[in-house]
C-alpha atoms as a PDB file:
ATOM      1  CA  MET A   1      88.147  98.202 106.341  1.00  0.00           C
ATOM      2  CA  ASN A   2      85.164  95.892 106.143  1.00  0.00           C
ATOM      3  CA  PHE A   3      83.551  93.519 108.653  1.00  0.00           C
ATOM      4  CA  LEU A   4      86.356  90.968 108.955  1.00  0.00           C
ATOM      5  CA  ALA A   5      89.083  93.535 109.532  1.00  0.00           C
ATOM      6  CA  HIS A   6      86.960  95.519 111.997  1.00  0.00           C
ATOM      7  CA  ILE A   7      86.218  92.414 114.038  1.00  0.00           C
ATOM      8  CA  TYR A   8      89.864  91.332 113.937  1.00  0.00           C
ATOM      9  CA  LEU A   9      91.120  94.801 114.948  1.00  0.00           C
ATOM     10  CA  SER A  10      88.868  94.746 118.011  1.00  0.00           C
ATOM     11  CA  GLY A  11      91.375  92.353 119.558  1.00  0.00           C
ATOM     12  CA  GLU A  12      88.770  90.642 121.740  1.00  0.00           C
ATOM     13  CA  MET A  13      85.446  88.856 121.406  1.00  0.00           C
ATOM     14  CA  GLY A  14      83.278  90.942 123.723  1.00  0.00           C
ATOM     15  CA  ASP A  15      81.265  94.143 123.816  1.00  0.00           C
ATOM     16  CA  LEU A  16      84.081  96.186 122.271  1.00  0.00           C
ATOM     17  CA  MET A  17      83.941  93.955 119.186  1.00  0.00           C
ATOM     18  CA  VAL A  18      80.143  94.202 119.067  1.00  0.00           C
ATOM     19  CA  GLY A  19      80.423  98.000 119.184  1.00  0.00           C
ATOM     20  CA  ASN A  20      83.007  97.925 116.417  1.00  0.00           C
ATOM     21  CA  PHE A  21      80.664  95.759 114.327  1.00  0.00           C
ATOM     22  CA  ILE A  22      77.761  98.228 114.667  1.00  0.00           C
ATOM     23  CA  GLY A  23      79.875 101.351 114.159  1.00  0.00           C
ATOM     24  CA  ASP A  24      78.356 102.172 110.749  1.00  0.00           C
ATOM     25  CA  PHE A  25      74.820 101.724 112.066  1.00  0.00           C
ATOM     26  CA  VAL A  26      75.025 104.125 115.030  1.00  0.00           C
ATOM     27  CA  LYS A  27      74.759 107.698 113.810  1.00  0.00           C
ATOM     28  CA  GLY A  28      76.195 110.759 115.527  1.00  0.00           C
ATOM     29  CA  LYS A  29      76.431 110.468 119.298  1.00  0.00           C
ATOM     30  CA  LYS A  30      73.524 108.050 119.810  1.00  0.00           C
ATOM     31  CA  PHE A  31      75.459 106.005 122.352  1.00  0.00           C
ATOM     32  CA  HIS A  32      72.908 106.001 125.196  1.00  0.00           C
ATOM     33  CA  ASP A  33      71.626 102.467 124.487  1.00  0.00           C
ATOM     34  CA  TYR A  34      75.031 100.817 124.680  1.00  0.00           C
ATOM     35  CA  SER A  35      77.459  99.644 127.333  1.00  0.00           C
ATOM     36  CA  HIS A  36      80.709 101.488 127.977  1.00  0.00           C
ATOM     37  CA  GLN A  37      82.686  98.828 126.068  1.00  0.00           C
ATOM     38  CA  MET A  38      80.300  98.950 123.103  1.00  0.00           C
ATOM     39  CA  VAL A  39      80.711 102.735 122.952  1.00  0.00           C
ATOM     40  CA  LYS A  40      84.479 102.195 122.889  1.00  0.00           C
ATOM     41  CA  GLY A  41      83.957  99.764 120.011  1.00  0.00           C
ATOM     42  CA  ILE A  42      81.879 102.307 118.067  1.00  0.00           C
ATOM     43  CA  LYS A  43      84.620 104.905 118.577  1.00  0.00           C
ATOM     44  CA  LEU A  44      87.244 102.366 117.504  1.00  0.00           C
ATOM     45  CA  HIS A  45      85.249 101.640 114.351  1.00  0.00           C
ATOM     46  CA  ARG A  46      85.165 105.321 113.460  1.00  0.00           C
ATOM     47  CA  GLU A  47      88.875 105.709 114.122  1.00  0.00           C
ATOM     48  CA  ILE A  48      89.719 102.697 111.939  1.00  0.00           C
ATOM     49  CA  ASP A  49      87.605 104.147 109.125  1.00  0.00           C
ATOM     50  CA  TRP A  50      89.174 107.598 109.484  1.00  0.00           C
ATOM     51  CA  TYR A  51      92.714 106.235 109.554  1.00  0.00           C
ATOM     52  CA  THR A  52      92.071 103.971 106.557  1.00  0.00           C
ATOM     53  CA  ASP A  53      90.369 106.702 104.529  1.00  0.00           C
ATOM     54  CA  HIS A  54      93.350 109.036 105.022  1.00  0.00           C
ATOM     55  CA  HIS A  55      96.226 106.593 104.503  1.00  0.00           C
ATOM     56  CA  LYS A  56      98.594 107.037 101.550  1.00  0.00           C
ATOM     57  CA  ILE A  57      98.836 103.302 100.802  1.00  0.00           C
ATOM     58  CA  VAL A  58      95.058 102.919 100.725  1.00  0.00           C
ATOM     59  CA  ASP A  59      94.910 106.010  98.504  1.00  0.00           C
ATOM     60  CA  LYS A  60      97.117 104.216  95.965  1.00  0.00           C
ATOM     61  CA  SER A  61      94.680 101.305  95.888  1.00  0.00           C
ATOM     62  CA  LYS A  62      91.654 103.609  95.612  1.00  0.00           C
ATOM     63  CA  ASP A  63      93.258 105.728  92.872  1.00  0.00           C
ATOM     64  CA  ARG A  64      93.376 102.680  90.612  1.00  0.00           C
ATOM     65  CA  LEU A  65      89.585 102.370  90.874  1.00  0.00           C
ATOM     66  CA  TRP A  66      88.531 106.020  91.102  1.00  0.00           C
ATOM     67  CA  LYS A  67      87.770 106.670  87.427  1.00  0.00           C
ATOM     68  CA  LYS A  68      85.423 103.705  87.217  1.00  0.00           C
ATOM     69  CA  TYR A  69      83.730 103.740  90.610  1.00  0.00           C
ATOM     70  CA  ARG A  70      84.189 107.270  92.021  1.00  0.00           C
ATOM     71  CA  HIS A  71      83.246 107.493  95.708  1.00  0.00           C
ATOM     72  CA  TYR A  72      82.509 103.737  95.802  1.00  0.00           C
ATOM     73  CA  ALA A  73      86.232 103.061  95.293  1.00  0.00           C
ATOM     74  CA  GLY A  74      86.844 103.175  99.052  1.00  0.00           C
ATOM     75  CA  VAL A  75      84.071 100.677  99.766  1.00  0.00           C
ATOM     76  CA  ILE A  76      85.477  98.341  97.123  1.00  0.00           C
ATOM     77  CA  ILE A  77      88.993  98.586  98.540  1.00  0.00           C
ATOM     78  CA  ASP A  78      87.608  97.744 101.988  1.00  0.00           C
ATOM     79  CA  MET A  79      86.228  94.531 100.470  1.00  0.00           C
ATOM     80  CA  PHE A  80      89.453  93.774  98.589  1.00  0.00           C
ATOM     81  CA  TYR A  81      91.450  94.218 101.797  1.00  0.00           C
ATOM     82  CA  ASP A  82      89.092  91.884 103.689  1.00  0.00           C
ATOM     83  CA  HIS A  83      89.744  89.348 100.922  1.00  0.00           C
ATOM     84  CA  PHE A  84      93.505  89.513 101.436  1.00  0.00           C
ATOM     85  CA  LEU A  85      93.096  89.340 105.202  1.00  0.00           C
ATOM     86  CA  ALA A  86      90.930  86.212 104.850  1.00  0.00           C
ATOM     87  CA  ARG A  87      93.169  84.651 102.205  1.00  0.00           C
ATOM     88  CA  ASP A  88      96.349  85.211 104.258  1.00  0.00           C
ATOM     89  CA  TRP A  89      94.751  84.848 107.683  1.00  0.00           C
ATOM     90  CA  TYR A  90      97.587  82.609 108.928  1.00  0.00           C
ATOM     91  CA  VAL A  91      99.933  85.629 108.745  1.00  0.00           C
ATOM     92  CA  TYR A  92      97.900  87.517 111.346  1.00  0.00           C
ATOM     93  CA  SER A  93      96.387  84.848 113.590  1.00  0.00           C
ATOM     94  CA  SER A  94      97.330  81.532 115.173  1.00  0.00           C
ATOM     95  CA  GLU A  95      93.724  80.283 115.057  1.00  0.00           C
ATOM     96  CA  THR A  96      92.037  79.303 111.825  1.00  0.00           C
ATOM     97  CA  LEU A  97      89.765  81.728 110.022  1.00  0.00           C
ATOM     98  CA  GLU A  98      86.874  79.309 110.532  1.00  0.00           C
ATOM     99  CA  GLU A  99      87.451  79.178 114.316  1.00  0.00           C
ATOM    100  CA  PHE A 100      87.672  82.962 114.486  1.00  0.00           C
ATOM    101  CA  THR A 101      84.563  83.605 112.411  1.00  0.00           C
ATOM    102  CA  GLN A 102      82.472  81.070 114.352  1.00  0.00           C
ATOM    103  CA  LYS A 103      83.458  82.764 117.635  1.00  0.00           C
ATOM    104  CA  ALA A 104      82.603  86.183 116.192  1.00  0.00           C
ATOM    105  CA  TYR A 105      79.208  85.001 114.927  1.00  0.00           C
ATOM    106  CA  ALA A 106      78.408  83.445 118.323  1.00  0.00           C
ATOM    107  CA  VAL A 107      79.212  86.661 120.218  1.00  0.00           C
ATOM    108  CA  LEU A 108      77.280  88.835 117.778  1.00  0.00           C
ATOM    109  CA  MET A 109      74.251  86.523 117.763  1.00  0.00           C
ATOM    110  CA  LYS A 110      74.225  86.501 121.568  1.00  0.00           C
ATOM    111  CA  LYS A 111      73.974  90.320 121.493  1.00  0.00           C
ATOM    112  CA  LYS A 112      71.691  90.596 118.438  1.00  0.00           C
ATOM    113  CA  ASN A 113      68.804  92.129 120.394  1.00  0.00           C
ATOM    114  CA  LEU A 114      71.039  95.090 121.259  1.00  0.00           C
ATOM    115  CA  LEU A 115      71.982  95.748 117.637  1.00  0.00           C
ATOM    116  CA  PRO A 116      70.363  98.414 115.470  1.00  0.00           C
ATOM    117  CA  GLU A 117      67.784  96.952 113.086  1.00  0.00           C
ATOM    118  CA  LYS A 118      69.980  97.277 109.976  1.00  0.00           C
ATOM    119  CA  ALA A 119      72.879  95.590 111.786  1.00  0.00           C
ATOM    120  CA  ARG A 120      70.610  92.674 112.790  1.00  0.00           C
ATOM    121  CA  TYR A 121      69.508  92.337 109.171  1.00  0.00           C
ATOM    122  CA  ILE A 122      73.141  92.260 107.953  1.00  0.00           C
ATOM    123  CA  LEU A 123      74.155  89.846 110.713  1.00  0.00           C
ATOM    124  CA  TYR A 124      71.388  87.408 109.769  1.00  0.00           C
ATOM    125  CA  TYR A 125      72.689  87.123 106.198  1.00  0.00           C
ATOM    126  CA  MET A 126      76.329  87.238 107.278  1.00  0.00           C
ATOM    127  CA  VAL A 127      75.869  84.169 109.466  1.00  0.00           C
ATOM    128  CA  LYS A 128      73.493  82.375 107.089  1.00  0.00           C
ATOM    129  CA  HIS A 129      75.907  82.674 104.153  1.00  0.00           C
ATOM    130  CA  ASP A 130      79.134  82.689 106.223  1.00  0.00           C
ATOM    131  CA  TRP A 131      80.360  85.892 104.600  1.00  0.00           C
ATOM    132  CA  LEU A 132      83.510  86.252 106.686  1.00  0.00           C
ATOM    133  CA  LEU A 133      84.828  82.845 105.663  1.00  0.00           C
ATOM    134  CA  ALA A 134      83.690  83.352 102.060  1.00  0.00           C
ATOM    135  CA  TYR A 135      85.792  86.524 101.776  1.00  0.00           C
ATOM    136  CA  GLN A 136      88.877  84.345 101.240  1.00  0.00           C
ATOM    137  CA  HIS A 137      87.586  83.522  97.733  1.00  0.00           C
ATOM    138  CA  ILE A 138      87.145  86.045  94.929  1.00  0.00           C
ATOM    139  CA  ASP A 139      83.640  84.745  94.237  1.00  0.00           C
ATOM    140  CA  GLY A 140      82.776  85.459  97.893  1.00  0.00           C
ATOM    141  CA  ILE A 141      83.894  89.056  97.402  1.00  0.00           C
ATOM    142  CA  GLU A 142      81.944  89.191  94.151  1.00  0.00           C
ATOM    143  CA  ARG A 143      78.733  88.082  95.910  1.00  0.00           C
ATOM    144  CA  ALA A 144      79.284  90.658  98.662  1.00  0.00           C
ATOM    145  CA  LEU A 145      79.867  93.451  96.140  1.00  0.00           C
ATOM    146  CA  LEU A 146      76.763  92.425  94.205  1.00  0.00           C
ATOM    147  CA  GLY A 147      74.689  92.648  97.382  1.00  0.00           C
ATOM    148  CA  MET A 148      76.165  96.044  98.207  1.00  0.00           C
ATOM    149  CA  SER A 149      75.554  97.262  94.672  1.00  0.00           C
ATOM    150  CA  ARG A 150      71.876  96.333  94.955  1.00  0.00           C
ATOM    151  CA  ARG A 151      71.584  98.415  98.138  1.00  0.00           C
ATOM    152  CA  THR A 152      73.140 101.606  96.717  1.00  0.00           C
ATOM    153  CA  LYS A 153      70.895 104.495  95.685  1.00  0.00           C
ATOM    154  CA  PHE A 154      72.826 105.072  92.475  1.00  0.00           C
ATOM    155  CA  GLN A 155      74.275 102.686  89.924  1.00  0.00           C
ATOM    156  CA  SER A 156      77.660 101.800  91.384  1.00  0.00           C
ATOM    157  CA  HIS A 157      78.760  98.866  89.190  1.00  0.00           C
ATOM    158  CA  MET A 158      80.539  97.493  92.265  1.00  0.00           C
ATOM    159  CA  GLU A 159      79.578  93.983  91.204  1.00  0.00           C
ATOM    160  CA  LYS A 160      82.109  94.300  88.350  1.00  0.00           C
ATOM    161  CA  ALA A 161      85.011  95.291  90.592  1.00  0.00           C
ATOM    162  CA  THR A 162      86.411  91.778  90.920  1.00  0.00           C
ATOM    163  CA  GLN A 163      87.582  92.154  87.314  1.00  0.00           C
ATOM    164  CA  ASP A 164      89.800  94.982  88.579  1.00  0.00           C
ATOM    165  CA  LEU A 165      90.879  92.853  91.536  1.00  0.00           C
ATOM    166  CA  ARG A 166      91.987  90.073  89.192  1.00  0.00           C
ATOM    167  CA  ALA A 167      93.750  92.517  86.854  1.00  0.00           C
ATOM    168  CA  ASP A 168      95.920  94.002  89.644  1.00  0.00           C
ATOM    169  CA  TYR A 169      95.731  91.151  92.131  1.00  0.00           C
ATOM    170  CA  GLN A 170      99.370  91.131  93.199  1.00  0.00           C
ATOM    171  CA  LEU A 171      99.529  94.910  93.536  1.00  0.00           C
ATOM    172  CA  PHE A 172      96.383  95.119  95.699  1.00  0.00           C
ATOM    173  CA  GLY A 173      97.740  92.283  97.839  1.00  0.00           C
ATOM    174  CA  GLU A 174     101.095  94.005  98.324  1.00  0.00           C
ATOM    175  CA  GLU A 175      99.394  97.258  99.307  1.00  0.00           C
ATOM    176  CA  PHE A 176      97.180  95.458 101.797  1.00  0.00           C
ATOM    177  CA  HIS A 177     100.144  93.717 103.453  1.00  0.00           C
ATOM    178  CA  GLU A 178     102.054  96.986 103.613  1.00  0.00           C
ATOM    179  CA  PHE A 179      99.085  98.784 105.178  1.00  0.00           C
ATOM    180  CA  PHE A 180      97.652  96.188 107.550  1.00  0.00           C
ATOM    181  CA  PRO A 181     100.490  96.088 110.122  1.00  0.00           C
ATOM    182  CA  GLU A 182     100.148  99.879 110.383  1.00  0.00           C
ATOM    183  CA  ILE A 183      96.406  99.756 111.099  1.00  0.00           C
ATOM    184  CA  ILE A 184      96.972  96.958 113.631  1.00  0.00           C
ATOM    185  CA  SER A 185      99.440  99.174 115.483  1.00  0.00           C
ATOM    186  CA  HIS A 186      97.210 102.248 115.210  1.00  0.00           C
ATOM    187  CA  ALA A 187      94.112 100.385 116.477  1.00  0.00           C
ATOM    188  CA  ARG A 188      96.073  98.938 119.408  1.00  0.00           C
ATOM    189  CA  ASP A 189      97.364 102.394 120.398  1.00  0.00           C
ATOM    190  CA  PHE A 190      93.910 103.936 120.027  1.00  0.00           C
ATOM    191  CA  LYS A 191      92.322 101.266 122.269  1.00  0.00           C
ATOM    192  CA  GLU A 192      94.948 101.848 124.959  1.00  0.00           C
ATOM    193  CA  ASN A 193      94.007 105.520 125.091  1.00  0.00           C
ATOM    194  CA  LEU A 194      90.209 105.130 125.007  1.00  0.00           C
END
């Protein structure tokens, strides 16, 4: 899952969501700088990633991309799934995507001084270019993949992945909608036992 799904799966707009947002930027057990709720959010982020990376439906999506993109296939699928979440937001939320993203940006910006440096850098561009709202459009995903491709050590060709999205658009969408209710349930159960 990518930023939009992680924020959504937090289920609240507080420190837990902030922790979930920074989950990729906090390595190992370096939790000492964060509140109890932010630590829960970091753990939730890791659980969401683990569950997603080991799910048979997600594997079907990744398998379609594996030959072309190798280990970047999972990252690309995370972006594709954020696209379908943004596009079909009304299925999963009673508030608009714009209302949700503006609330998320406000909470994250309020806590920006607590974020790791790389997370602050990402947040700046996320808010400036309204990434979360842009994910609903294929060209928004294309811009995000291009940015990610520029930051990879090796040539990933991720920027070309929207061609694959268009080619199997309905299939990727069906897999997302089959998977997403399961991750919602799993994240909710995990939070209850944190």
